[in-house]
Amino acid sequence: MTPAVPLEIVTNREAELNHSVWIVCVLLLFILVIHPDAFASDKPERQGIWGSIDIGIGHIERSIDGTELDDDNFFLGFSVGYALNSRFLLGVEFSGWLFDAADYNYPERGGEGLSQVFVTTHYYPVQEGAWFVTIGGGYVSHWNNLPDETRRKSGFGFKIGMGYDVLLQDQWTFTPFLTYSAGDADNQEHEAITIGAGFNWY
């Protein structure tokens, strides 16, 4: 039988990992801000169907029936849509933050997160530029597997942020991003600042 790892050690490892991800993401974004053409001078041709996979870390502040919580949590998102023109992209985003990983062998032990299904837009202020502003909003869901809790609480939320496309090959880009999100799901309200990077295809 494999000995159990103390919860305190697991929690500390997760905190160290989250801290490291924050540092890497901030450094990448800083490099792009001070020298936006550091990685590539070419810009992707934005047309037709587009998609993205985003990974990052979010600092989330939550209020649940007067109880205040805040933590750094893993973020994962998928988007797909259509470029109306080279400056305006419209799509649907499926994303969220993981608060507590689920154990599929023992589901009663937990698993908790916050998910979003948003209509999202990317707007490029400069025709041939790589910087964009993103705005979105829609459905928010707080879910958990705890036996004495409501499995899913629903509500609405929104996001606003910015990103930068770094051309990798053909129509693929590496895209650092920073977003602010807020919303509510039943008795829970949240605000989140998320930083990360994604791979986009145009």
N, C-alpha and C. Protein backbone atom coordinates (compact mmCIF):
# COMPACT_ATOMS: atom_id res chain seq x y z
N MET A 1 0.85 -1.20 0.00
CA MET A 1 0.00 0.00 0.00
C MET A 1 0.89 1.25 0.00
N THR A 2 0.58 2.18 -0.89
CA THR A 2 1.35 3.42 -0.97
C THR A 2 0.97 4.34 0.17
N PRO A 3 1.95 4.83 0.95
CA PRO A 3 1.63 5.70 2.08
C PRO A 3 1.00 7.00 1.61
N ALA A 4 0.06 7.50 2.38
CA ALA A 4 -0.63 8.74 2.03
C ALA A 4 0.29 9.93 2.24
N VAL A 5 0.20 10.89 1.35
CA VAL A 5 0.98 12.11 1.47
C VAL A 5 0.21 13.09 2.33
N PRO A 6 0.81 13.65 3.39
CA PRO A 6 0.10 14.59 4.25
C PRO A 6 -0.48 15.74 3.46
N LEU A 7 -1.71 16.15 3.84
CA LEU A 7 -2.41 17.21 3.13
C LEU A 7 -1.62 18.51 3.16
N GLU A 8 -0.92 18.77 4.27
CA GLU A 8 -0.16 20.02 4.38
C GLU A 8 0.94 20.09 3.34
N ILE A 9 1.61 18.94 3.08
CA ILE A 9 2.68 18.90 2.08
C ILE A 9 2.11 19.13 0.69
N VAL A 10 0.97 18.49 0.38
CA VAL A 10 0.33 18.68 -0.92
C VAL A 10 -0.05 20.13 -1.12
N THR A 11 -0.64 20.75 -0.08
CA THR A 11 -1.06 22.14 -0.16
C THR A 11 0.12 23.06 -0.40
N ASN A 12 1.23 22.81 0.29
CA ASN A 12 2.43 23.63 0.12
C ASN A 12 2.99 23.49 -1.29
N ARG A 13 2.98 22.25 -1.82
CA ARG A 13 3.48 22.05 -3.18
C ARG A 13 2.62 22.78 -4.20
N GLU A 14 1.30 22.75 -4.02
CA GLU A 14 0.41 23.47 -4.93
C GLU A 14 0.65 24.97 -4.85
N ALA A 15 0.87 25.49 -3.64
CA ALA A 15 1.12 26.92 -3.47
C ALA A 15 2.43 27.32 -4.16
N GLU A 16 3.48 26.49 -4.02
CA GLU A 16 4.76 26.77 -4.66
C GLU A 16 4.62 26.74 -6.18
N LEU A 17 3.85 25.77 -6.71
CA LEU A 17 3.64 25.68 -8.15
C LEU A 17 2.89 26.90 -8.67
N ASN A 18 1.83 27.29 -7.97
CA ASN A 18 1.07 28.47 -8.37
C ASN A 18 1.94 29.72 -8.37
N HIS A 19 2.79 29.85 -7.35
CA HIS A 19 3.68 31.01 -7.26
C HIS A 19 4.64 31.04 -8.43
N SER A 20 5.18 29.87 -8.81
CA SER A 20 6.12 29.80 -9.93
C SER A 20 5.45 30.15 -11.24
N VAL A 21 4.22 29.68 -11.43
CA VAL A 21 3.48 30.00 -12.66
C VAL A 21 3.22 31.49 -12.75
N TRP A 22 2.84 32.11 -11.63
CA TRP A 22 2.64 33.56 -11.59
C TRP A 22 3.89 34.29 -12.06
N ILE A 23 5.06 33.90 -11.52
CA ILE A 23 6.31 34.58 -11.86
C ILE A 23 6.62 34.46 -13.35
N VAL A 24 6.48 33.25 -13.91
CA VAL A 24 6.76 33.03 -15.33
C VAL A 24 5.83 33.86 -16.20
N CYS A 25 4.53 33.87 -15.88
CA CYS A 25 3.55 34.61 -16.68
C CYS A 25 3.80 36.10 -16.63
N VAL A 26 4.12 36.62 -15.45
CA VAL A 26 4.39 38.06 -15.30
C VAL A 26 5.63 38.45 -16.09
N LEU A 27 6.68 37.63 -16.05
CA LEU A 27 7.89 37.92 -16.80
C LEU A 27 7.64 37.95 -18.29
N LEU A 28 6.86 36.97 -18.79
CA LEU A 28 6.54 36.94 -20.22
C LEU A 28 5.78 38.20 -20.64
N LEU A 29 4.78 38.57 -19.85
CA LEU A 29 3.99 39.74 -20.18
C LEU A 29 4.84 41.00 -20.11
N PHE A 30 5.75 41.08 -19.14
CA PHE A 30 6.63 42.25 -18.99
C PHE A 30 7.54 42.39 -20.20
N ILE A 31 8.10 41.28 -20.68
CA ILE A 31 8.97 41.32 -21.85
C ILE A 31 8.22 41.87 -23.06
N LEU A 32 6.97 41.42 -23.23
CA LEU A 32 6.19 41.87 -24.38
C LEU A 32 5.82 43.34 -24.26
N VAL A 33 5.60 43.82 -23.04
CA VAL A 33 5.23 45.23 -22.86
C VAL A 33 6.40 46.14 -23.19
N ILE A 34 7.61 45.78 -22.72
CA ILE A 34 8.75 46.67 -22.94
C ILE A 34 9.31 46.52 -24.35
N HIS A 35 9.04 45.40 -25.00
CA HIS A 35 9.54 45.20 -26.37
C HIS A 35 8.58 44.31 -27.12
N PRO A 36 7.48 44.87 -27.63
CA PRO A 36 6.41 44.06 -28.22
C PRO A 36 6.83 43.23 -29.42
N ASP A 37 7.96 43.54 -30.07
CA ASP A 37 8.41 42.75 -31.21
C ASP A 37 9.59 41.86 -30.84
N ALA A 38 9.69 41.51 -29.54
CA ALA A 38 10.83 40.73 -29.08
C ALA A 38 10.88 39.35 -29.71
N PHE A 39 9.72 38.76 -30.00
CA PHE A 39 9.69 37.39 -30.50
C PHE A 39 9.43 37.30 -32.00
N ALA A 40 8.67 38.22 -32.54
CA ALA A 40 8.35 38.16 -33.97
C ALA A 40 7.85 39.50 -34.43
N SER A 41 8.17 39.84 -35.67
CA SER A 41 7.69 41.09 -36.24
C SER A 41 6.50 40.85 -37.16
N ASP A 42 6.31 39.61 -37.58
CA ASP A 42 5.18 39.29 -38.45
C ASP A 42 3.91 39.19 -37.63
N LYS A 43 2.79 39.48 -38.26
CA LYS A 43 1.49 39.39 -37.60
C LYS A 43 0.65 38.32 -38.31
N PRO A 44 -0.14 37.58 -37.57
CA PRO A 44 -0.98 36.55 -38.19
C PRO A 44 -2.10 37.17 -39.03
N GLU A 45 -2.50 36.47 -40.06
CA GLU A 45 -3.63 36.92 -40.87
C GLU A 45 -4.91 36.38 -40.25
N ARG A 46 -5.71 37.27 -39.69
CA ARG A 46 -6.91 36.87 -38.96
C ARG A 46 -8.09 36.84 -39.91
N GLN A 47 -8.57 35.64 -40.22
CA GLN A 47 -9.73 35.49 -41.10
C GLN A 47 -10.38 34.13 -40.88
N GLY A 48 -11.69 34.08 -41.09
CA GLY A 48 -12.40 32.82 -40.97
C GLY A 48 -12.51 32.31 -39.55
N ILE A 49 -12.51 30.99 -39.42
CA ILE A 49 -12.65 30.34 -38.12
C ILE A 49 -11.36 30.46 -37.31
N TRP A 50 -11.49 30.71 -36.03
CA TRP A 50 -10.34 30.78 -35.13
C TRP A 50 -10.63 29.98 -33.86
N GLY A 51 -9.57 29.61 -33.16
CA GLY A 51 -9.72 28.87 -31.91
C GLY A 51 -8.53 29.10 -31.01
N SER A 52 -8.68 28.78 -29.73
CA SER A 52 -7.58 28.98 -28.79
C SER A 52 -7.67 28.00 -27.63
N ILE A 53 -6.51 27.71 -27.05
CA ILE A 53 -6.38 26.95 -25.81
C ILE A 53 -5.57 27.81 -24.85
N ASP A 54 -6.13 28.13 -23.68
CA ASP A 54 -5.49 29.04 -22.75
C ASP A 54 -5.22 28.35 -21.41
N ILE A 55 -4.05 28.60 -20.86
CA ILE A 55 -3.66 28.07 -19.55
C ILE A 55 -3.08 29.20 -18.73
N GLY A 56 -3.42 29.24 -17.45
CA GLY A 56 -2.87 30.29 -16.61
C GLY A 56 -3.15 30.05 -15.14
N ILE A 57 -3.01 31.12 -14.38
CA ILE A 57 -3.25 31.09 -12.95
C ILE A 57 -4.06 32.33 -12.58
N GLY A 58 -5.05 32.15 -11.74
CA GLY A 58 -5.91 33.27 -11.38
C GLY A 58 -5.94 33.49 -9.88
N HIS A 59 -5.86 34.76 -9.47
CA HIS A 59 -6.06 35.10 -8.07
C HIS A 59 -7.54 35.44 -7.90
N ILE A 60 -8.25 34.62 -7.14
CA ILE A 60 -9.70 34.74 -7.03
C ILE A 60 -10.09 35.11 -5.61
N GLU A 61 -10.90 36.14 -5.49
CA GLU A 61 -11.49 36.53 -4.22
C GLU A 61 -12.97 36.20 -4.26
N ARG A 62 -13.42 35.39 -3.27
CA ARG A 62 -14.81 34.96 -3.25
C ARG A 62 -15.49 35.36 -1.95
N SER A 63 -16.78 35.61 -2.05
CA SER A 63 -17.61 35.89 -0.88
C SER A 63 -18.79 34.92 -0.91
N ILE A 64 -18.88 34.06 0.12
CA ILE A 64 -19.95 33.07 0.20
C ILE A 64 -20.69 33.26 1.52
N ASP A 65 -21.89 33.82 1.44
CA ASP A 65 -22.70 34.07 2.64
C ASP A 65 -21.90 34.81 3.72
N GLY A 66 -21.15 35.82 3.29
CA GLY A 66 -20.39 36.61 4.25
C GLY A 66 -19.00 36.10 4.56
N THR A 67 -18.67 34.90 4.13
CA THR A 67 -17.33 34.34 4.33
C THR A 67 -16.43 34.73 3.17
N GLU A 68 -15.31 35.36 3.48
CA GLU A 68 -14.38 35.82 2.45
C GLU A 68 -13.26 34.80 2.23
N LEU A 69 -13.03 34.45 0.98
CA LEU A 69 -11.98 33.51 0.60
C LEU A 69 -11.15 34.10 -0.52
N ASP A 70 -9.86 33.82 -0.54
CA ASP A 70 -9.04 34.22 -1.68
C ASP A 70 -7.90 33.22 -1.83
N ASP A 71 -7.56 32.94 -3.10
CA ASP A 71 -6.54 31.93 -3.37
C ASP A 71 -6.09 32.06 -4.81
N ASP A 72 -4.97 31.41 -5.14
CA ASP A 72 -4.48 31.33 -6.51
C ASP A 72 -4.86 29.96 -7.06
N ASN A 73 -5.52 29.96 -8.22
CA ASN A 73 -6.05 28.70 -8.76
C ASN A 73 -5.71 28.53 -10.23
N PHE A 74 -5.56 27.28 -10.63
CA PHE A 74 -5.26 26.93 -12.01
C PHE A 74 -6.42 27.31 -12.93
N PHE A 75 -6.09 27.86 -14.10
CA PHE A 75 -7.09 28.29 -15.08
C PHE A 75 -6.89 27.54 -16.39
N LEU A 76 -8.00 27.12 -17.01
CA LEU A 76 -7.96 26.46 -18.31
C LEU A 76 -9.14 26.95 -19.13
N GLY A 77 -8.89 27.27 -20.40
CA GLY A 77 -9.96 27.76 -21.25
C GLY A 77 -9.83 27.31 -22.69
N PHE A 78 -10.98 27.18 -23.36
CA PHE A 78 -11.04 26.86 -24.79
C PHE A 78 -11.99 27.84 -25.45
N SER A 79 -11.62 28.34 -26.61
CA SER A 79 -12.48 29.27 -27.35
C SER A 79 -12.53 28.88 -28.82
N VAL A 80 -13.66 29.14 -29.45
CA VAL A 80 -13.81 28.93 -30.88
C VAL A 80 -14.75 29.99 -31.41
N GLY A 81 -14.47 30.47 -32.63
CA GLY A 81 -15.32 31.52 -33.17
C GLY A 81 -15.00 31.85 -34.61
N TYR A 82 -15.38 33.05 -35.00
CA TYR A 82 -15.23 33.47 -36.40
C TYR A 82 -14.74 34.91 -36.44
N ALA A 83 -13.77 35.16 -37.30
CA ALA A 83 -13.25 36.52 -37.49
C ALA A 83 -14.15 37.27 -38.47
N LEU A 84 -14.88 38.25 -37.95
CA LEU A 84 -15.75 39.04 -38.83
C LEU A 84 -14.93 39.88 -39.79
N ASN A 85 -13.76 40.34 -39.32
CA ASN A 85 -12.76 40.99 -40.15
C ASN A 85 -11.43 40.88 -39.43
N SER A 86 -10.38 41.51 -39.93
CA SER A 86 -9.05 41.34 -39.34
C SER A 86 -8.90 42.01 -37.98
N ARG A 87 -9.89 42.84 -37.59
CA ARG A 87 -9.79 43.55 -36.32
C ARG A 87 -10.81 43.10 -35.28
N PHE A 88 -11.82 42.34 -35.69
CA PHE A 88 -12.89 41.99 -34.75
C PHE A 88 -13.20 40.50 -34.84
N LEU A 89 -12.98 39.79 -33.72
CA LEU A 89 -13.24 38.36 -33.63
C LEU A 89 -14.37 38.11 -32.64
N LEU A 90 -15.27 37.21 -33.01
CA LEU A 90 -16.40 36.86 -32.15
C LEU A 90 -16.38 35.36 -31.90
N GLY A 91 -16.68 34.93 -30.67
CA GLY A 91 -16.63 33.51 -30.38
C GLY A 91 -17.31 33.13 -29.09
N VAL A 92 -17.14 31.85 -28.73
CA VAL A 92 -17.66 31.30 -27.48
C VAL A 92 -16.49 30.75 -26.68
N GLU A 93 -16.46 31.07 -25.40
CA GLU A 93 -15.38 30.63 -24.51
C GLU A 93 -15.91 29.68 -23.44
N PHE A 94 -15.21 28.56 -23.27
CA PHE A 94 -15.48 27.61 -22.19
C PHE A 94 -14.25 27.61 -21.29
N SER A 95 -14.39 28.09 -20.07
CA SER A 95 -13.21 28.25 -19.22
C SER A 95 -13.57 28.12 -17.75
N GLY A 96 -12.54 28.15 -16.91
CA GLY A 96 -12.80 28.10 -15.48
C GLY A 96 -11.55 27.88 -14.66
N TRP A 97 -11.73 27.95 -13.33
CA TRP A 97 -10.65 27.77 -12.36
C TRP A 97 -10.94 26.54 -11.51
N LEU A 98 -9.90 25.80 -11.19
CA LEU A 98 -10.04 24.61 -10.36
C LEU A 98 -9.63 24.96 -8.93
N PHE A 99 -10.57 24.82 -7.98
CA PHE A 99 -10.29 25.09 -6.57
C PHE A 99 -9.75 23.85 -5.87
N ASP A 100 -10.32 22.71 -6.19
CA ASP A 100 -9.94 21.47 -5.54
C ASP A 100 -10.11 20.33 -6.53
N ALA A 101 -9.05 19.60 -6.80
CA ALA A 101 -9.10 18.52 -7.79
C ALA A 101 -9.99 17.38 -7.30
N ALA A 102 -10.77 16.83 -8.20
CA ALA A 102 -11.66 15.71 -7.86
C ALA A 102 -10.88 14.40 -7.85
N ASP A 103 -11.34 13.49 -7.01
CA ASP A 103 -10.79 12.13 -6.95
C ASP A 103 -11.86 11.20 -7.53
N TYR A 104 -11.59 10.71 -8.75
CA TYR A 104 -12.60 9.91 -9.44
C TYR A 104 -12.83 8.56 -8.77
N ASN A 105 -11.84 8.08 -8.01
CA ASN A 105 -12.01 6.82 -7.29
C ASN A 105 -12.86 7.01 -6.03
N TYR A 106 -12.75 8.22 -5.45
CA TYR A 106 -13.52 8.54 -4.23
C TYR A 106 -14.15 9.92 -4.41
N PRO A 107 -15.19 10.02 -5.23
CA PRO A 107 -15.78 11.33 -5.54
C PRO A 107 -16.31 12.08 -4.33
N GLU A 108 -16.65 11.36 -3.26
CA GLU A 108 -17.18 12.03 -2.08
C GLU A 108 -16.11 12.84 -1.35
N ARG A 109 -14.85 12.67 -1.72
CA ARG A 109 -13.78 13.40 -1.06
C ARG A 109 -13.69 14.85 -1.53
N GLY A 110 -14.36 15.19 -2.58
CA GLY A 110 -14.34 16.60 -2.98
C GLY A 110 -14.17 16.81 -4.46
N GLY A 111 -13.71 17.99 -4.78
CA GLY A 111 -13.65 18.46 -6.15
C GLY A 111 -14.50 19.69 -6.26
N GLU A 112 -13.88 20.83 -6.62
CA GLU A 112 -14.62 22.09 -6.64
C GLU A 112 -14.01 23.02 -7.66
N GLY A 113 -14.84 23.82 -8.31
CA GLY A 113 -14.33 24.77 -9.28
C GLY A 113 -15.37 25.78 -9.70
N LEU A 114 -14.94 26.69 -10.53
CA LEU A 114 -15.81 27.74 -11.07
C LEU A 114 -15.65 27.74 -12.59
N SER A 115 -16.75 27.56 -13.32
CA SER A 115 -16.69 27.48 -14.77
C SER A 115 -17.47 28.61 -15.41
N GLN A 116 -17.11 28.91 -16.67
CA GLN A 116 -17.74 30.00 -17.42
C GLN A 116 -18.06 29.54 -18.84
N VAL A 117 -19.18 29.99 -19.36
CA VAL A 117 -19.50 29.86 -20.77
C VAL A 117 -19.86 31.26 -21.25
N PHE A 118 -18.93 31.89 -21.97
CA PHE A 118 -19.07 33.29 -22.33
C PHE A 118 -19.15 33.48 -23.84
N VAL A 119 -19.91 34.46 -24.26
CA VAL A 119 -19.73 35.04 -25.59
C VAL A 119 -18.54 35.98 -25.46
N THR A 120 -17.54 35.83 -26.31
CA THR A 120 -16.32 36.60 -26.16
C THR A 120 -15.94 37.30 -27.46
N THR A 121 -15.25 38.42 -27.33
CA THR A 121 -14.79 39.18 -28.48
C THR A 121 -13.32 39.55 -28.31
N HIS A 122 -12.62 39.62 -29.43
CA HIS A 122 -11.26 40.17 -29.48
C HIS A 122 -11.30 41.35 -30.43
N TYR A 123 -10.81 42.49 -29.97
CA TYR A 123 -10.78 43.67 -30.83
C TYR A 123 -9.34 44.18 -30.92
N TYR A 124 -8.84 44.31 -32.14
CA TYR A 124 -7.49 44.80 -32.40
C TYR A 124 -7.56 46.26 -32.80
N PRO A 125 -7.12 47.19 -31.96
CA PRO A 125 -7.22 48.62 -32.27
C PRO A 125 -6.46 49.02 -33.53
N VAL A 126 -5.34 48.34 -33.80
CA VAL A 126 -4.53 48.63 -34.97
C VAL A 126 -4.72 47.52 -36.00
N GLN A 127 -4.96 47.90 -37.24
CA GLN A 127 -5.27 46.95 -38.30
C GLN A 127 -4.27 45.82 -38.39
N GLU A 128 -2.98 46.13 -38.41
CA GLU A 128 -1.94 45.11 -38.54
C GLU A 128 -1.27 44.81 -37.21
N GLY A 129 -1.86 45.25 -36.11
CA GLY A 129 -1.25 45.08 -34.80
C GLY A 129 -1.49 43.71 -34.21
N ALA A 130 -0.74 43.43 -33.14
CA ALA A 130 -0.86 42.15 -32.46
C ALA A 130 -1.54 42.29 -31.09
N TRP A 131 -1.64 43.52 -30.58
CA TRP A 131 -2.34 43.76 -29.32
C TRP A 131 -3.84 43.70 -29.52
N PHE A 132 -4.57 43.14 -28.56
CA PHE A 132 -6.03 43.14 -28.65
C PHE A 132 -6.65 43.32 -27.27
N VAL A 133 -7.88 43.78 -27.29
CA VAL A 133 -8.70 43.89 -26.09
C VAL A 133 -9.77 42.81 -26.17
N THR A 134 -10.01 42.12 -25.06
CA THR A 134 -11.04 41.08 -25.05
C THR A 134 -12.12 41.42 -24.03
N ILE A 135 -13.37 41.25 -24.42
CA ILE A 135 -14.52 41.49 -23.56
C ILE A 135 -15.49 40.33 -23.75
N GLY A 136 -16.08 39.86 -22.65
CA GLY A 136 -17.02 38.76 -22.76
C GLY A 136 -17.96 38.70 -21.57
N GLY A 137 -18.97 37.88 -21.69
CA GLY A 137 -19.91 37.72 -20.60
C GLY A 137 -20.87 36.58 -20.86
N GLY A 138 -21.51 36.10 -19.78
CA GLY A 138 -22.47 35.02 -19.94
C GLY A 138 -22.65 34.21 -18.67
N TYR A 139 -22.72 32.90 -18.83
CA TYR A 139 -23.09 31.96 -17.77
C TYR A 139 -21.90 31.62 -16.87
N VAL A 140 -22.15 31.59 -15.55
CA VAL A 140 -21.14 31.20 -14.57
C VAL A 140 -21.71 30.07 -13.71
N SER A 141 -20.88 29.08 -13.39
CA SER A 141 -21.33 27.96 -12.58
C SER A 141 -20.29 27.60 -11.53
N HIS A 142 -20.72 27.54 -10.27
CA HIS A 142 -19.87 27.04 -9.19
C HIS A 142 -20.28 25.60 -8.91
N TRP A 143 -19.35 24.65 -9.05
CA TRP A 143 -19.66 23.24 -8.90
C TRP A 143 -18.79 22.62 -7.81
N ASN A 144 -19.32 21.56 -7.21
CA ASN A 144 -18.53 20.79 -6.25
C ASN A 144 -19.12 19.39 -6.09
N ASN A 145 -18.33 18.49 -5.53
CA ASN A 145 -18.75 17.10 -5.33
C ASN A 145 -18.95 16.77 -3.86
N LEU A 146 -19.02 17.77 -3.01
CA LEU A 146 -19.20 17.51 -1.58
C LEU A 146 -20.60 16.98 -1.32
N PRO A 147 -20.74 15.97 -0.47
CA PRO A 147 -22.03 15.31 -0.28
C PRO A 147 -23.12 16.18 0.33
N ASP A 148 -22.75 17.18 1.14
CA ASP A 148 -23.75 18.00 1.83
C ASP A 148 -23.93 19.37 1.20
N GLU A 149 -23.43 19.53 -0.02
CA GLU A 149 -23.51 20.83 -0.69
C GLU A 149 -24.29 20.71 -2.00
N THR A 150 -24.85 21.85 -2.43
CA THR A 150 -25.50 21.89 -3.74
C THR A 150 -24.46 21.65 -4.81
N ARG A 151 -24.73 20.69 -5.70
CA ARG A 151 -23.72 20.30 -6.68
C ARG A 151 -23.37 21.42 -7.67
N ARG A 152 -24.35 22.23 -8.03
CA ARG A 152 -24.09 23.29 -9.01
C ARG A 152 -24.93 24.52 -8.70
N LYS A 153 -24.25 25.68 -8.65
CA LYS A 153 -24.92 26.95 -8.45
C LYS A 153 -24.65 27.83 -9.67
N SER A 154 -25.69 28.42 -10.22
CA SER A 154 -25.56 29.12 -11.50
C SER A 154 -25.76 30.62 -11.33
N GLY A 155 -25.19 31.38 -12.27
CA GLY A 155 -25.32 32.82 -12.26
C GLY A 155 -24.75 33.42 -13.53
N PHE A 156 -24.36 34.68 -13.45
CA PHE A 156 -23.84 35.40 -14.61
C PHE A 156 -22.55 36.13 -14.25
N GLY A 157 -21.73 36.38 -15.26
CA GLY A 157 -20.48 37.08 -15.04
C GLY A 157 -19.98 37.74 -16.31
N PHE A 158 -18.82 38.40 -16.19
CA PHE A 158 -18.22 39.07 -17.34
C PHE A 158 -16.71 39.08 -17.18
N LYS A 159 -16.02 39.45 -18.26
CA LYS A 159 -14.57 39.58 -18.22
C LYS A 159 -14.15 40.71 -19.14
N ILE A 160 -12.97 41.28 -18.83
CA ILE A 160 -12.34 42.26 -19.69
C ILE A 160 -10.85 42.08 -19.55
N GLY A 161 -10.12 42.21 -20.65
CA GLY A 161 -8.69 42.00 -20.56
C GLY A 161 -7.97 42.37 -21.83
N MET A 162 -6.73 41.92 -21.94
CA MET A 162 -5.93 42.21 -23.12
C MET A 162 -4.97 41.06 -23.37
N GLY A 163 -4.43 41.03 -24.60
CA GLY A 163 -3.48 39.99 -24.96
C GLY A 163 -2.60 40.44 -26.11
N TYR A 164 -1.64 39.62 -26.45
CA TYR A 164 -0.71 39.93 -27.53
C TYR A 164 -0.37 38.66 -28.30
N ASP A 165 -0.55 38.69 -29.63
CA ASP A 165 -0.28 37.54 -30.48
C ASP A 165 1.18 37.53 -30.94
N VAL A 166 1.88 36.46 -30.63
CA VAL A 166 3.25 36.27 -31.11
C VAL A 166 3.22 35.16 -32.15
N LEU A 167 3.49 35.50 -33.41
CA LEU A 167 3.40 34.53 -34.50
C LEU A 167 4.45 33.44 -34.33
N LEU A 168 4.00 32.18 -34.37
CA LEU A 168 4.90 31.04 -34.27
C LEU A 168 5.17 30.44 -35.65
N GLN A 169 4.11 29.98 -36.31
CA GLN A 169 4.24 29.36 -37.63
C GLN A 169 2.91 29.42 -38.34
N ASP A 170 2.92 29.83 -39.58
CA ASP A 170 1.70 29.96 -40.37
C ASP A 170 0.66 30.77 -39.60
N GLN A 171 -0.45 30.15 -39.19
CA GLN A 171 -1.51 30.88 -38.50
C GLN A 171 -1.55 30.60 -37.00
N TRP A 172 -0.51 29.99 -36.45
CA TRP A 172 -0.46 29.70 -35.02
C TRP A 172 0.24 30.84 -34.28
N THR A 173 -0.31 31.22 -33.13
CA THR A 173 0.32 32.24 -32.31
C THR A 173 0.44 31.78 -30.86
N PHE A 174 1.45 32.30 -30.19
CA PHE A 174 1.58 32.17 -28.74
C PHE A 174 1.06 33.48 -28.16
N THR A 175 0.07 33.41 -27.26
CA THR A 175 -0.65 34.61 -26.86
C THR A 175 -0.73 34.79 -25.35
N PRO A 176 0.20 35.57 -24.76
CA PRO A 176 0.06 35.94 -23.35
C PRO A 176 -1.18 36.81 -23.15
N PHE A 177 -1.83 36.69 -21.99
CA PHE A 177 -3.04 37.47 -21.75
C PHE A 177 -3.18 37.83 -20.27
N LEU A 178 -3.96 38.85 -20.01
CA LEU A 178 -4.29 39.28 -18.66
C LEU A 178 -5.76 39.68 -18.64
N THR A 179 -6.55 39.12 -17.71
CA THR A 179 -7.98 39.43 -17.68
C THR A 179 -8.45 39.70 -16.25
N TYR A 180 -9.50 40.51 -16.17
CA TYR A 180 -10.24 40.71 -14.93
C TYR A 180 -11.63 40.14 -15.13
N SER A 181 -12.07 39.31 -14.19
CA SER A 181 -13.39 38.67 -14.28
C SER A 181 -14.16 38.88 -12.99
N ALA A 182 -15.47 38.92 -13.11
CA ALA A 182 -16.33 39.05 -11.93
C ALA A 182 -17.68 38.41 -12.24
N GLY A 183 -18.37 37.98 -11.18
CA GLY A 183 -19.68 37.39 -11.38
C GLY A 183 -20.26 36.87 -10.08
N ASP A 184 -21.43 36.26 -10.18
CA ASP A 184 -22.06 35.66 -9.02
C ASP A 184 -22.78 34.38 -9.44
N ALA A 185 -22.82 33.43 -8.51
CA ALA A 185 -23.52 32.16 -8.73
C ALA A 185 -24.27 31.83 -7.45
N ASP A 186 -25.56 32.10 -7.44
CA ASP A 186 -26.39 31.88 -6.26
C ASP A 186 -25.88 32.73 -5.11
N ASN A 187 -25.36 32.09 -4.04
CA ASN A 187 -24.92 32.84 -2.86
C ASN A 187 -23.43 33.18 -2.90
N GLN A 188 -22.79 33.02 -4.04
CA GLN A 188 -21.36 33.28 -4.14
C GLN A 188 -21.07 34.41 -5.13
N GLU A 189 -20.22 35.34 -4.73
CA GLU A 189 -19.72 36.38 -5.62
C GLU A 189 -18.21 36.22 -5.75
N HIS A 190 -17.69 36.56 -6.91
CA HIS A 190 -16.25 36.41 -7.10
C HIS A 190 -15.68 37.50 -7.98
N GLU A 191 -14.40 37.76 -7.77
CA GLU A 191 -13.59 38.60 -8.64
C GLU A 191 -12.28 37.87 -8.88
N ALA A 192 -11.75 37.96 -10.09
CA ALA A 192 -10.53 37.21 -10.41
C ALA A 192 -9.65 38.01 -11.36
N ILE A 193 -8.36 37.96 -11.09
CA ILE A 193 -7.35 38.48 -12.02
C ILE A 193 -6.55 37.28 -12.50
N THR A 194 -6.60 37.03 -13.80
CA THR A 194 -5.97 35.84 -14.37
C THR A 194 -4.90 36.24 -15.36
N ILE A 195 -3.74 35.60 -15.24
CA ILE A 195 -2.64 35.84 -16.18
C ILE A 195 -2.19 34.49 -16.71
N GLY A 196 -1.87 34.45 -17.99
CA GLY A 196 -1.46 33.18 -18.57
C GLY A 196 -1.07 33.34 -20.02
N ALA A 197 -1.12 32.25 -20.75
CA ALA A 197 -0.77 32.25 -22.16
C ALA A 197 -1.54 31.17 -22.88
N GLY A 198 -1.73 31.37 -24.16
CA GLY A 198 -2.48 30.41 -24.94
C GLY A 198 -1.86 30.19 -26.30
N PHE A 199 -2.40 29.20 -27.00
CA PHE A 199 -2.04 28.95 -28.38
C PHE A 199 -3.30 29.19 -29.22
N ASN A 200 -3.20 30.15 -30.14
CA ASN A 200 -4.34 30.53 -30.98
C ASN A 200 -4.10 30.09 -32.42
N TRP A 201 -5.18 29.76 -33.07
CA TRP A 201 -5.13 29.43 -34.49
C TRP A 201 -6.13 30.30 -35.24
N TYR A 202 -5.66 30.96 -36.30
CA TYR A 202 -6.52 31.86 -37.09
C TYR A 202 -6.65 31.34 -38.51
